[in-house]
Amino acid sequence: QWLTEKCSRFVQFNCSTWAKDILGLVNTTQRLDANSQYAYALWCTHFAEQSIVAIANGEVIGFLTGFRSPRNPGTYFLWQTATRPRHGVAGLGVDMIAHAVEREIARGADRIEASVDQDNKAIRVLMKTLAKRFGGRIEEELLYPGSLLAGEGHDHHDEILMRICLDRPDAPDMSDMSARAMPAPARTSSEVSA
């Protein structure tokens, strides 16, 4: 298991009360798109089994939101992740991602996806490392052009979809389903701040 001994004391699952703290953490993390407190409350309840909240001394020090695609249940989408600066747990951000990916693969996922900024070298390296570890290959495509996500008065980077494809003998053939795949939420970003 990739989750370190030190980190395992802090990671809690099925959390429902930290939406406000998660939003506060998002607001202090560069390049993450903030959503409403209500949206994070939904993540803490409806997607709790696919997400992680890290708590130390009663404080949210990190989180990861993810979900299984309703149309392609073998696909796990890493939506957002961030850690509080100087939280005192070495490698927490990487450990949360690695733990979530390992857990979802054990539950049958054969695709791991994340939308990333092309310049976010940390998440790009991590996705490639995870692909190598699990014997997968990386595919990339434009998910959303920056012009679609730009707001009044500010630009937005292109969102590139990085996908780890695991060639598992027990995995369903998804090739005929790709045209019917449901797009990811419009406000997506992945950030590693460990």
N, C-alpha and C. Protein backbone atom coordinates (compact mmCIF):
# COMPACT_ATOMS: atom_id res chain seq x y z
N GLN A 1 0.85 -1.19 0.00
CA GLN A 1 0.00 0.00 0.00
C GLN A 1 0.88 1.24 0.00
N TRP A 2 0.53 2.21 -0.82
CA TRP A 2 1.35 3.41 -0.98
C TRP A 2 1.16 4.41 0.15
N LEU A 3 0.05 4.37 0.83
CA LEU A 3 -0.21 5.34 1.87
C LEU A 3 0.75 5.10 3.03
N THR A 4 1.50 6.13 3.38
CA THR A 4 2.53 5.94 4.40
C THR A 4 1.91 5.77 5.78
N GLU A 5 2.66 5.19 6.70
CA GLU A 5 2.19 5.00 8.07
C GLU A 5 1.81 6.34 8.69
N LYS A 6 2.65 7.33 8.50
CA LYS A 6 2.39 8.64 9.10
C LYS A 6 1.11 9.24 8.54
N CYS A 7 0.93 9.15 7.24
CA CYS A 7 -0.24 9.73 6.58
C CYS A 7 -1.52 8.99 6.97
N SER A 8 -1.45 7.69 7.18
CA SER A 8 -2.66 6.90 7.40
C SER A 8 -3.42 7.33 8.66
N ARG A 9 -2.76 7.97 9.60
CA ARG A 9 -3.44 8.44 10.80
C ARG A 9 -4.33 9.65 10.50
N PHE A 10 -4.08 10.34 9.39
CA PHE A 10 -4.79 11.57 9.09
C PHE A 10 -5.90 11.40 8.06
N VAL A 11 -5.82 10.41 7.20
CA VAL A 11 -6.78 10.28 6.12
C VAL A 11 -8.05 9.64 6.62
N GLN A 12 -9.18 10.30 6.37
CA GLN A 12 -10.47 9.80 6.78
C GLN A 12 -11.37 9.74 5.55
N PHE A 13 -12.23 8.74 5.52
CA PHE A 13 -13.15 8.57 4.41
C PHE A 13 -14.57 8.83 4.89
N ASN A 14 -15.47 9.06 3.95
CA ASN A 14 -16.89 9.31 4.24
C ASN A 14 -17.07 10.50 5.18
N CYS A 15 -16.35 11.56 4.91
CA CYS A 15 -16.44 12.78 5.72
C CYS A 15 -17.54 13.67 5.15
N SER A 16 -18.30 14.36 6.01
CA SER A 16 -19.40 15.19 5.51
C SER A 16 -19.40 16.61 6.05
N THR A 17 -18.43 16.98 6.85
CA THR A 17 -18.52 18.27 7.53
C THR A 17 -17.43 19.27 7.16
N TRP A 18 -16.61 18.98 6.19
CA TRP A 18 -15.46 19.84 5.93
C TRP A 18 -15.54 20.65 4.64
N ALA A 19 -16.73 20.80 4.08
CA ALA A 19 -16.87 21.51 2.81
C ALA A 19 -16.33 22.94 2.89
N LYS A 20 -16.62 23.64 3.98
CA LYS A 20 -16.16 25.03 4.12
C LYS A 20 -14.64 25.08 4.17
N ASP A 21 -14.02 24.14 4.90
CA ASP A 21 -12.57 24.11 4.99
C ASP A 21 -11.93 23.74 3.66
N ILE A 22 -12.56 22.83 2.93
CA ILE A 22 -12.04 22.46 1.61
C ILE A 22 -12.11 23.65 0.68
N LEU A 23 -13.22 24.38 0.68
CA LEU A 23 -13.33 25.57 -0.16
C LEU A 23 -12.27 26.59 0.22
N GLY A 24 -12.02 26.77 1.52
CA GLY A 24 -10.96 27.68 1.95
C GLY A 24 -9.60 27.26 1.43
N LEU A 25 -9.34 25.97 1.43
CA LEU A 25 -8.08 25.46 0.92
C LEU A 25 -7.98 25.68 -0.59
N VAL A 26 -9.06 25.43 -1.31
CA VAL A 26 -9.08 25.67 -2.76
C VAL A 26 -8.79 27.14 -3.05
N ASN A 27 -9.40 28.04 -2.28
CA ASN A 27 -9.21 29.47 -2.52
C ASN A 27 -7.78 29.94 -2.28
N THR A 28 -6.99 29.16 -1.54
CA THR A 28 -5.60 29.55 -1.30
C THR A 28 -4.62 28.76 -2.16
N THR A 29 -5.13 27.94 -3.06
CA THR A 29 -4.28 27.13 -3.92
C THR A 29 -4.29 27.69 -5.34
N GLN A 30 -3.13 28.09 -5.83
CA GLN A 30 -3.06 28.63 -7.18
C GLN A 30 -3.50 27.60 -8.19
N ARG A 31 -4.14 28.06 -9.23
CA ARG A 31 -4.55 27.29 -10.40
C ARG A 31 -5.69 26.32 -10.16
N LEU A 32 -6.25 26.26 -8.96
CA LEU A 32 -7.45 25.45 -8.76
C LEU A 32 -8.67 26.33 -8.96
N ASP A 33 -9.65 25.82 -9.67
CA ASP A 33 -10.90 26.55 -9.87
C ASP A 33 -11.80 26.29 -8.67
N ALA A 34 -12.23 27.37 -8.02
CA ALA A 34 -13.11 27.24 -6.85
C ALA A 34 -14.54 26.98 -7.29
N ASN A 35 -15.21 26.14 -6.56
CA ASN A 35 -16.62 25.87 -6.75
C ASN A 35 -17.35 26.34 -5.49
N SER A 36 -18.66 26.19 -5.44
CA SER A 36 -19.41 26.65 -4.28
C SER A 36 -19.19 25.70 -3.09
N GLN A 37 -19.47 26.22 -1.91
CA GLN A 37 -19.41 25.39 -0.70
C GLN A 37 -20.40 24.23 -0.82
N TYR A 38 -21.53 24.49 -1.44
CA TYR A 38 -22.53 23.44 -1.66
C TYR A 38 -21.93 22.31 -2.51
N ALA A 39 -21.20 22.67 -3.56
CA ALA A 39 -20.59 21.64 -4.41
C ALA A 39 -19.64 20.77 -3.61
N TYR A 40 -18.83 21.38 -2.74
CA TYR A 40 -17.91 20.58 -1.93
C TYR A 40 -18.64 19.75 -0.89
N ALA A 41 -19.77 20.26 -0.39
CA ALA A 41 -20.59 19.45 0.53
C ALA A 41 -21.10 18.20 -0.19
N LEU A 42 -21.49 18.35 -1.45
CA LEU A 42 -21.92 17.19 -2.23
C LEU A 42 -20.78 16.20 -2.40
N TRP A 43 -19.57 16.71 -2.64
CA TRP A 43 -18.42 15.81 -2.79
C TRP A 43 -18.18 15.04 -1.50
N CYS A 44 -18.37 15.71 -0.38
CA CYS A 44 -18.11 15.08 0.92
C CYS A 44 -19.17 14.04 1.28
N THR A 45 -20.31 14.04 0.59
CA THR A 45 -21.36 13.07 0.88
C THR A 45 -21.57 12.11 -0.29
N HIS A 46 -21.91 12.64 -1.45
CA HIS A 46 -22.27 11.80 -2.59
C HIS A 46 -21.09 11.07 -3.21
N PHE A 47 -19.89 11.63 -3.09
CA PHE A 47 -18.71 11.01 -3.68
C PHE A 47 -17.65 10.69 -2.62
N ALA A 48 -18.10 10.50 -1.40
CA ALA A 48 -17.17 10.28 -0.28
C ALA A 48 -16.33 9.03 -0.47
N GLU A 49 -16.91 7.98 -1.04
CA GLU A 49 -16.17 6.73 -1.18
C GLU A 49 -15.05 6.83 -2.21
N GLN A 50 -15.11 7.82 -3.08
CA GLN A 50 -14.06 8.00 -4.08
C GLN A 50 -13.14 9.18 -3.76
N SER A 51 -13.38 9.86 -2.66
CA SER A 51 -12.63 11.06 -2.30
C SER A 51 -11.91 10.86 -0.97
N ILE A 52 -11.05 11.80 -0.63
CA ILE A 52 -10.25 11.70 0.59
C ILE A 52 -10.17 13.09 1.23
N VAL A 53 -10.30 13.13 2.54
CA VAL A 53 -10.04 14.34 3.30
C VAL A 53 -8.99 13.98 4.35
N ALA A 54 -7.91 14.77 4.40
CA ALA A 54 -6.85 14.53 5.38
C ALA A 54 -6.99 15.54 6.51
N ILE A 55 -7.03 15.03 7.73
CA ILE A 55 -7.25 15.86 8.92
C ILE A 55 -6.07 15.70 9.86
N ALA A 56 -5.57 16.81 10.39
CA ALA A 56 -4.54 16.77 11.43
C ALA A 56 -4.92 17.80 12.49
N ASN A 57 -4.98 17.37 13.73
CA ASN A 57 -5.35 18.25 14.84
C ASN A 57 -6.67 18.97 14.58
N GLY A 58 -7.63 18.26 14.00
CA GLY A 58 -8.95 18.83 13.74
C GLY A 58 -9.02 19.77 12.56
N GLU A 59 -7.95 19.90 11.81
CA GLU A 59 -7.89 20.83 10.68
C GLU A 59 -7.73 20.08 9.38
N VAL A 60 -8.45 20.53 8.32
CA VAL A 60 -8.27 19.95 6.99
C VAL A 60 -6.91 20.39 6.47
N ILE A 61 -6.04 19.40 6.22
CA ILE A 61 -4.71 19.73 5.69
C ILE A 61 -4.55 19.26 4.25
N GLY A 62 -5.55 18.55 3.74
CA GLY A 62 -5.50 18.12 2.35
C GLY A 62 -6.81 17.47 1.96
N PHE A 63 -7.05 17.42 0.66
CA PHE A 63 -8.25 16.75 0.17
C PHE A 63 -8.00 16.28 -1.26
N LEU A 64 -8.78 15.32 -1.66
CA LEU A 64 -8.79 14.84 -3.03
C LEU A 64 -10.24 14.53 -3.37
N THR A 65 -10.74 15.10 -4.47
CA THR A 65 -12.08 14.76 -4.93
C THR A 65 -11.95 13.94 -6.20
N GLY A 66 -12.74 12.91 -6.30
CA GLY A 66 -12.74 12.05 -7.47
C GLY A 66 -14.08 11.36 -7.58
N PHE A 67 -14.32 10.74 -8.73
CA PHE A 67 -15.58 10.04 -8.94
C PHE A 67 -15.42 8.98 -10.01
N ARG A 68 -16.32 8.01 -9.98
CA ARG A 68 -16.40 7.00 -11.04
C ARG A 68 -17.41 7.51 -12.07
N SER A 69 -17.04 7.43 -13.33
CA SER A 69 -17.90 7.93 -14.40
C SER A 69 -19.21 7.14 -14.45
N PRO A 70 -20.35 7.84 -14.44
CA PRO A 70 -21.63 7.13 -14.52
C PRO A 70 -21.80 6.33 -15.81
N ARG A 71 -21.27 6.86 -16.92
CA ARG A 71 -21.42 6.17 -18.20
C ARG A 71 -20.33 5.14 -18.46
N ASN A 72 -19.16 5.36 -17.85
CA ASN A 72 -18.04 4.42 -17.98
C ASN A 72 -17.56 4.08 -16.59
N PRO A 73 -18.24 3.19 -15.89
CA PRO A 73 -17.93 2.94 -14.48
C PRO A 73 -16.52 2.43 -14.22
N GLY A 74 -15.84 1.97 -15.26
CA GLY A 74 -14.46 1.56 -15.10
C GLY A 74 -13.47 2.71 -15.09
N THR A 75 -13.98 3.94 -15.27
CA THR A 75 -13.12 5.13 -15.30
C THR A 75 -13.22 5.88 -13.98
N TYR A 76 -12.07 6.12 -13.37
CA TYR A 76 -11.99 6.94 -12.15
C TYR A 76 -11.38 8.28 -12.54
N PHE A 77 -12.09 9.37 -12.24
CA PHE A 77 -11.64 10.71 -12.58
C PHE A 77 -11.14 11.42 -11.33
N LEU A 78 -9.86 11.80 -11.33
CA LEU A 78 -9.28 12.60 -10.25
C LEU A 78 -9.62 14.05 -10.56
N TRP A 79 -10.44 14.66 -9.71
CA TRP A 79 -10.94 15.99 -10.04
C TRP A 79 -10.06 17.09 -9.46
N GLN A 80 -9.98 17.21 -8.17
CA GLN A 80 -9.15 18.24 -7.55
C GLN A 80 -8.40 17.65 -6.37
N THR A 81 -7.22 18.19 -6.13
CA THR A 81 -6.48 17.81 -4.93
C THR A 81 -5.58 18.97 -4.53
N ALA A 82 -5.44 19.14 -3.24
CA ALA A 82 -4.57 20.19 -2.71
C ALA A 82 -4.20 19.85 -1.27
N THR A 83 -3.08 20.40 -0.84
CA THR A 83 -2.67 20.27 0.56
C THR A 83 -2.33 21.65 1.10
N ARG A 84 -2.51 21.80 2.40
CA ARG A 84 -2.19 23.06 3.07
C ARG A 84 -0.66 23.18 3.17
N PRO A 85 -0.11 24.35 2.86
CA PRO A 85 1.33 24.53 3.01
C PRO A 85 1.78 24.28 4.45
N ARG A 86 2.95 23.72 4.60
CA ARG A 86 3.56 23.47 5.91
C ARG A 86 2.65 22.66 6.83
N HIS A 87 2.04 21.63 6.28
CA HIS A 87 1.13 20.80 7.06
C HIS A 87 1.85 19.74 7.88
N GLY A 88 3.12 19.48 7.59
CA GLY A 88 3.92 18.58 8.41
C GLY A 88 3.85 17.10 8.04
N VAL A 89 3.18 16.76 6.94
CA VAL A 89 3.12 15.37 6.50
C VAL A 89 3.81 15.28 5.15
N ALA A 90 5.03 14.78 5.13
CA ALA A 90 5.81 14.72 3.90
C ALA A 90 5.10 13.86 2.85
N GLY A 91 4.98 14.40 1.64
CA GLY A 91 4.41 13.64 0.53
C GLY A 91 2.92 13.41 0.60
N LEU A 92 2.20 14.19 1.40
CA LEU A 92 0.77 13.95 1.59
C LEU A 92 -0.01 14.00 0.28
N GLY A 93 0.23 15.01 -0.55
CA GLY A 93 -0.51 15.13 -1.81
C GLY A 93 -0.31 13.92 -2.71
N VAL A 94 0.92 13.52 -2.86
CA VAL A 94 1.23 12.36 -3.70
C VAL A 94 0.64 11.09 -3.09
N ASP A 95 0.74 10.94 -1.76
CA ASP A 95 0.19 9.76 -1.09
C ASP A 95 -1.32 9.67 -1.26
N MET A 96 -2.03 10.81 -1.18
CA MET A 96 -3.48 10.77 -1.36
C MET A 96 -3.84 10.30 -2.76
N ILE A 97 -3.16 10.85 -3.77
CA ILE A 97 -3.44 10.45 -5.15
C ILE A 97 -3.12 8.98 -5.37
N ALA A 98 -1.94 8.56 -4.93
CA ALA A 98 -1.54 7.16 -5.12
C ALA A 98 -2.50 6.21 -4.41
N HIS A 99 -2.91 6.57 -3.20
CA HIS A 99 -3.84 5.73 -2.45
C HIS A 99 -5.19 5.64 -3.16
N ALA A 100 -5.70 6.78 -3.63
CA ALA A 100 -7.00 6.78 -4.32
C ALA A 100 -6.94 5.94 -5.59
N VAL A 101 -5.87 6.08 -6.35
CA VAL A 101 -5.73 5.33 -7.59
C VAL A 101 -5.62 3.83 -7.30
N GLU A 102 -4.79 3.48 -6.35
CA GLU A 102 -4.63 2.07 -5.99
C GLU A 102 -5.95 1.48 -5.51
N ARG A 103 -6.68 2.23 -4.70
CA ARG A 103 -7.97 1.77 -4.18
C ARG A 103 -8.98 1.55 -5.30
N GLU A 104 -9.04 2.50 -6.26
CA GLU A 104 -10.02 2.38 -7.34
C GLU A 104 -9.64 1.27 -8.33
N ILE A 105 -8.36 1.05 -8.55
CA ILE A 105 -7.95 -0.07 -9.39
C ILE A 105 -8.35 -1.38 -8.72
N ALA A 106 -8.17 -1.46 -7.41
CA ALA A 106 -8.57 -2.66 -6.68
C ALA A 106 -10.09 -2.88 -6.76
N ARG A 107 -10.83 -1.80 -6.95
CA ARG A 107 -12.29 -1.88 -7.09
C ARG A 107 -12.71 -2.08 -8.55
N GLY A 108 -11.75 -2.27 -9.44
CA GLY A 108 -12.09 -2.59 -10.83
C GLY A 108 -11.87 -1.51 -11.85
N ALA A 109 -11.39 -0.35 -11.47
CA ALA A 109 -11.14 0.70 -12.46
C ALA A 109 -10.06 0.26 -13.44
N ASP A 110 -10.28 0.56 -14.72
CA ASP A 110 -9.26 0.26 -15.72
C ASP A 110 -8.82 1.51 -16.48
N ARG A 111 -9.36 2.65 -16.08
CA ARG A 111 -8.95 3.95 -16.63
C ARG A 111 -8.89 4.93 -15.46
N ILE A 112 -7.81 5.71 -15.41
CA ILE A 112 -7.65 6.78 -14.42
C ILE A 112 -7.48 8.06 -15.22
N GLU A 113 -8.33 9.05 -14.95
CA GLU A 113 -8.27 10.30 -15.71
C GLU A 113 -8.08 11.49 -14.79
N ALA A 114 -7.45 12.52 -15.34
CA ALA A 114 -7.32 13.80 -14.65
C ALA A 114 -7.20 14.88 -15.72
N SER A 115 -7.83 16.01 -15.50
CA SER A 115 -7.62 17.13 -16.40
C SER A 115 -6.53 18.00 -15.79
N VAL A 116 -5.57 18.38 -16.62
CA VAL A 116 -4.40 19.08 -16.12
C VAL A 116 -4.05 20.27 -16.99
N ASP A 117 -3.40 21.20 -16.38
CA ASP A 117 -2.76 22.30 -17.10
C ASP A 117 -1.50 21.72 -17.74
N GLN A 118 -1.29 22.00 -19.01
CA GLN A 118 -0.12 21.48 -19.72
C GLN A 118 1.18 21.82 -18.99
N ASP A 119 1.20 22.94 -18.27
CA ASP A 119 2.41 23.37 -17.56
C ASP A 119 2.54 22.80 -16.15
N ASN A 120 1.57 22.02 -15.70
CA ASN A 120 1.62 21.44 -14.36
C ASN A 120 2.49 20.18 -14.41
N LYS A 121 3.77 20.39 -14.31
CA LYS A 121 4.74 19.29 -14.47
C LYS A 121 4.58 18.23 -13.37
N ALA A 122 4.26 18.66 -12.15
CA ALA A 122 4.16 17.72 -11.03
C ALA A 122 3.09 16.65 -11.29
N ILE A 123 1.89 17.06 -11.69
CA ILE A 123 0.83 16.08 -11.90
C ILE A 123 1.12 15.25 -13.15
N ARG A 124 1.74 15.85 -14.15
CA ARG A 124 2.07 15.10 -15.38
C ARG A 124 3.08 13.99 -15.06
N VAL A 125 4.09 14.31 -14.27
CA VAL A 125 5.08 13.30 -13.88
C VAL A 125 4.42 12.23 -13.02
N LEU A 126 3.56 12.65 -12.10
CA LEU A 126 2.89 11.68 -11.23
C LEU A 126 2.01 10.73 -12.04
N MET A 127 1.25 11.23 -12.99
CA MET A 127 0.40 10.37 -13.81
C MET A 127 1.25 9.36 -14.59
N LYS A 128 2.37 9.81 -15.12
CA LYS A 128 3.25 8.90 -15.86
C LYS A 128 3.87 7.85 -14.93
N THR A 129 4.21 8.26 -13.71
CA THR A 129 4.76 7.33 -12.72
C THR A 129 3.72 6.27 -12.34
N LEU A 130 2.47 6.72 -12.13
CA LEU A 130 1.40 5.78 -11.80
C LEU A 130 1.14 4.81 -12.95
N ALA A 131 1.17 5.31 -14.17
CA ALA A 131 0.97 4.45 -15.34
C ALA A 131 2.03 3.37 -15.39
N LYS A 132 3.27 3.76 -15.14
CA LYS A 132 4.36 2.79 -15.16
C LYS A 132 4.19 1.76 -14.04
N ARG A 133 3.85 2.23 -12.86
CA ARG A 133 3.69 1.33 -11.71
C ARG A 133 2.63 0.27 -11.96
N PHE A 134 1.52 0.67 -12.58
CA PHE A 134 0.40 -0.25 -12.78
C PHE A 134 0.37 -0.87 -14.18
N GLY A 135 1.44 -0.68 -14.94
CA GLY A 135 1.52 -1.32 -16.25
C GLY A 135 0.57 -0.74 -17.27
N GLY A 136 0.27 0.55 -17.14
CA GLY A 136 -0.65 1.19 -18.08
C GLY A 136 0.07 2.08 -19.06
N ARG A 137 -0.69 2.66 -19.94
CA ARG A 137 -0.15 3.61 -20.90
C ARG A 137 -0.91 4.93 -20.76
N ILE A 138 -0.25 6.01 -21.14
CA ILE A 138 -0.85 7.35 -21.06
C ILE A 138 -1.43 7.75 -22.40
N GLU A 139 -2.63 8.28 -22.36
CA GLU A 139 -3.24 8.93 -23.52
C GLU A 139 -3.55 10.36 -23.11
N GLU A 140 -3.45 11.27 -24.07
CA GLU A 140 -3.76 12.68 -23.81
C GLU A 140 -4.62 13.23 -24.92
N GLU A 141 -5.53 14.12 -24.53
CA GLU A 141 -6.35 14.82 -25.51
C GLU A 141 -6.84 16.12 -24.89
N LEU A 142 -7.24 17.04 -25.74
CA LEU A 142 -7.80 18.29 -25.25
C LEU A 142 -9.19 18.00 -24.70
N LEU A 143 -9.41 18.34 -23.44
CA LEU A 143 -10.73 18.17 -22.83
C LEU A 143 -11.57 19.42 -23.05
N TYR A 144 -11.03 20.57 -22.65
CA TYR A 144 -11.71 21.85 -22.83
C TYR A 144 -10.69 22.90 -23.24
N PRO A 145 -10.98 23.68 -24.29
CA PRO A 145 -10.07 24.79 -24.60
C PRO A 145 -10.21 25.88 -23.53
N GLY A 146 -9.13 26.58 -23.28
CA GLY A 146 -9.14 27.65 -22.28
C GLY A 146 -10.21 28.69 -22.55
N SER A 147 -10.49 28.95 -23.82
CA SER A 147 -11.49 29.96 -24.18
C SER A 147 -12.88 29.60 -23.66
N LEU A 148 -13.17 28.31 -23.54
CA LEU A 148 -14.46 27.87 -23.01
C LEU A 148 -14.59 28.16 -21.53
N LEU A 149 -13.48 28.11 -20.80
CA LEU A 149 -13.49 28.25 -19.35
C LEU A 149 -13.12 29.64 -18.85
N ALA A 150 -12.65 30.49 -19.76
CA ALA A 150 -12.23 31.84 -19.36
C ALA A 150 -13.45 32.65 -18.91
N GLY A 151 -13.24 33.42 -17.87
CA GLY A 151 -14.30 34.31 -17.39
C GLY A 151 -14.00 35.73 -17.81
N GLU A 152 -14.90 36.60 -17.47
CA GLU A 152 -14.69 38.01 -17.79
C GLU A 152 -13.47 38.53 -17.08
N GLY A 153 -12.54 39.06 -17.84
CA GLY A 153 -11.36 39.67 -17.25
C GLY A 153 -10.23 38.73 -16.91
N HIS A 154 -10.39 37.42 -17.16
CA HIS A 154 -9.26 36.52 -16.90
C HIS A 154 -9.24 35.37 -17.91
N ASP A 155 -8.04 34.97 -18.22
CA ASP A 155 -7.84 33.85 -19.14
C ASP A 155 -7.88 32.54 -18.36
N HIS A 156 -7.97 31.46 -19.08
CA HIS A 156 -7.90 30.13 -18.48
C HIS A 156 -7.07 29.25 -19.39
N HIS A 157 -6.26 28.39 -18.80
CA HIS A 157 -5.45 27.47 -19.59
C HIS A 157 -6.33 26.38 -20.21
N ASP A 158 -5.82 25.75 -21.26
CA ASP A 158 -6.49 24.57 -21.81
C ASP A 158 -6.47 23.48 -20.75
N GLU A 159 -7.54 22.72 -20.67
CA GLU A 159 -7.60 21.55 -19.80
C GLU A 159 -7.30 20.33 -20.66
N ILE A 160 -6.17 19.70 -20.38
CA ILE A 160 -5.75 18.51 -21.09
C ILE A 160 -6.18 17.28 -20.29
N LEU A 161 -6.85 16.35 -20.94
CA LEU A 161 -7.25 15.11 -20.27
C LEU A 161 -6.09 14.12 -20.39
N MET A 162 -5.55 13.74 -19.23
CA MET A 162 -4.56 12.67 -19.18
C MET A 162 -5.27 11.42 -18.71
N ARG A 163 -5.07 10.34 -19.42
CA ARG A 163 -5.75 9.09 -19.10
C ARG A 163 -4.71 7.97 -18.98
N ILE A 164 -4.77 7.25 -17.86
CA ILE A 164 -3.98 6.04 -17.71
C ILE A 164 -4.88 4.88 -18.12
N CYS A 165 -4.47 4.15 -19.14
CA CYS A 165 -5.23 3.00 -19.62
C CYS A 165 -4.54 1.73 -19.14
N LEU A 166 -5.27 0.94 -18.39
CA LEU A 166 -4.74 -0.32 -17.89
C LEU A 166 -5.27 -1.44 -18.78
N ASP A 167 -4.39 -2.19 -19.33
CA ASP A 167 -4.80 -3.30 -20.19
C ASP A 167 -5.01 -4.53 -19.32
N ARG A 168 -6.20 -4.62 -18.75
CA ARG A 168 -6.54 -5.73 -17.85
C ARG A 168 -7.38 -6.74 -18.61
N PRO A 169 -7.06 -8.02 -18.47
CA PRO A 169 -7.84 -9.03 -19.18
C PRO A 169 -9.30 -9.06 -18.77
N ASP A 170 -9.62 -8.62 -17.54
CA ASP A 170 -11.00 -8.65 -17.06
C ASP A 170 -11.74 -7.34 -17.31
N ALA A 171 -11.05 -6.36 -17.95
CA ALA A 171 -11.66 -5.04 -18.17
C ALA A 171 -12.64 -5.10 -19.33
N PRO A 172 -13.78 -4.40 -19.22
CA PRO A 172 -14.74 -4.38 -20.33
C PRO A 172 -14.16 -3.60 -21.50
N ASP A 173 -14.59 -3.93 -22.72
CA ASP A 173 -14.15 -3.21 -23.91
C ASP A 173 -14.89 -1.88 -23.96
N MET A 174 -14.14 -0.79 -23.80
CA MET A 174 -14.75 0.54 -23.76
C MET A 174 -14.70 1.23 -25.11
N SER A 175 -14.13 0.60 -26.14
CA SER A 175 -13.94 1.28 -27.42
C SER A 175 -15.26 1.71 -28.05
N ASP A 176 -16.32 0.92 -27.90
CA ASP A 176 -17.60 1.30 -28.48
C ASP A 176 -18.36 2.30 -27.63
N MET A 177 -17.91 2.57 -26.42
CA MET A 177 -18.60 3.49 -25.52
C MET A 177 -18.01 4.88 -25.55
N SER A 178 -16.85 5.06 -26.17
CA SER A 178 -16.17 6.36 -26.10
C SER A 178 -16.99 7.48 -26.70
N ALA A 179 -17.77 7.20 -27.73
CA ALA A 179 -18.58 8.25 -28.34
C ALA A 179 -19.71 8.69 -27.43
N ARG A 180 -20.10 7.81 -26.49
CA ARG A 180 -21.20 8.13 -25.59
C ARG A 180 -20.71 8.63 -24.24
N ALA A 181 -19.40 8.78 -24.08
CA ALA A 181 -18.84 9.16 -22.78
C ALA A 181 -19.36 10.52 -22.34
N MET A 182 -19.72 10.61 -21.08
CA MET A 182 -20.21 11.86 -20.53
C MET A 182 -19.02 12.76 -20.23
N PRO A 183 -19.06 14.03 -20.64
CA PRO A 183 -17.94 14.92 -20.35
C PRO A 183 -17.80 15.15 -18.86
N ALA A 184 -16.57 15.43 -18.45
CA ALA A 184 -16.30 15.74 -17.05
C ALA A 184 -16.90 17.10 -16.71
N PRO A 185 -17.04 17.41 -15.42
CA PRO A 185 -17.57 18.71 -15.03
C PRO A 185 -16.77 19.85 -15.67
N ALA A 186 -17.45 20.93 -16.02
CA ALA A 186 -16.83 22.02 -16.76
C ALA A 186 -15.72 22.71 -15.98
N ARG A 187 -15.77 22.72 -14.68
CA ARG A 187 -14.75 23.42 -13.89
C ARG A 187 -13.84 22.38 -13.26
N THR A 188 -12.84 21.95 -14.02
CA THR A 188 -11.95 20.91 -13.50
C THR A 188 -10.52 21.40 -13.51
N SER A 189 -9.77 20.92 -12.54
CA SER A 189 -8.36 21.22 -12.48
C SER A 189 -7.74 20.28 -11.49
N SER A 190 -6.52 19.90 -11.73
CA SER A 190 -5.81 19.05 -10.78
C SER A 190 -4.54 19.77 -10.38
N GLU A 191 -4.22 19.73 -9.11
CA GLU A 191 -3.06 20.44 -8.59
C GLU A 191 -2.38 19.58 -7.55
N VAL A 192 -1.10 19.49 -7.63
CA VAL A 192 -0.35 18.81 -6.59
C VAL A 192 0.43 19.87 -5.85
N SER A 193 0.18 19.99 -4.56
CA SER A 193 0.82 21.01 -3.75
C SER A 193 1.50 20.39 -2.56
N ALA A 194 2.13 19.26 -2.76
CA ALA A 194 2.77 18.57 -1.63
C ALA A 194 4.16 19.07 -1.42
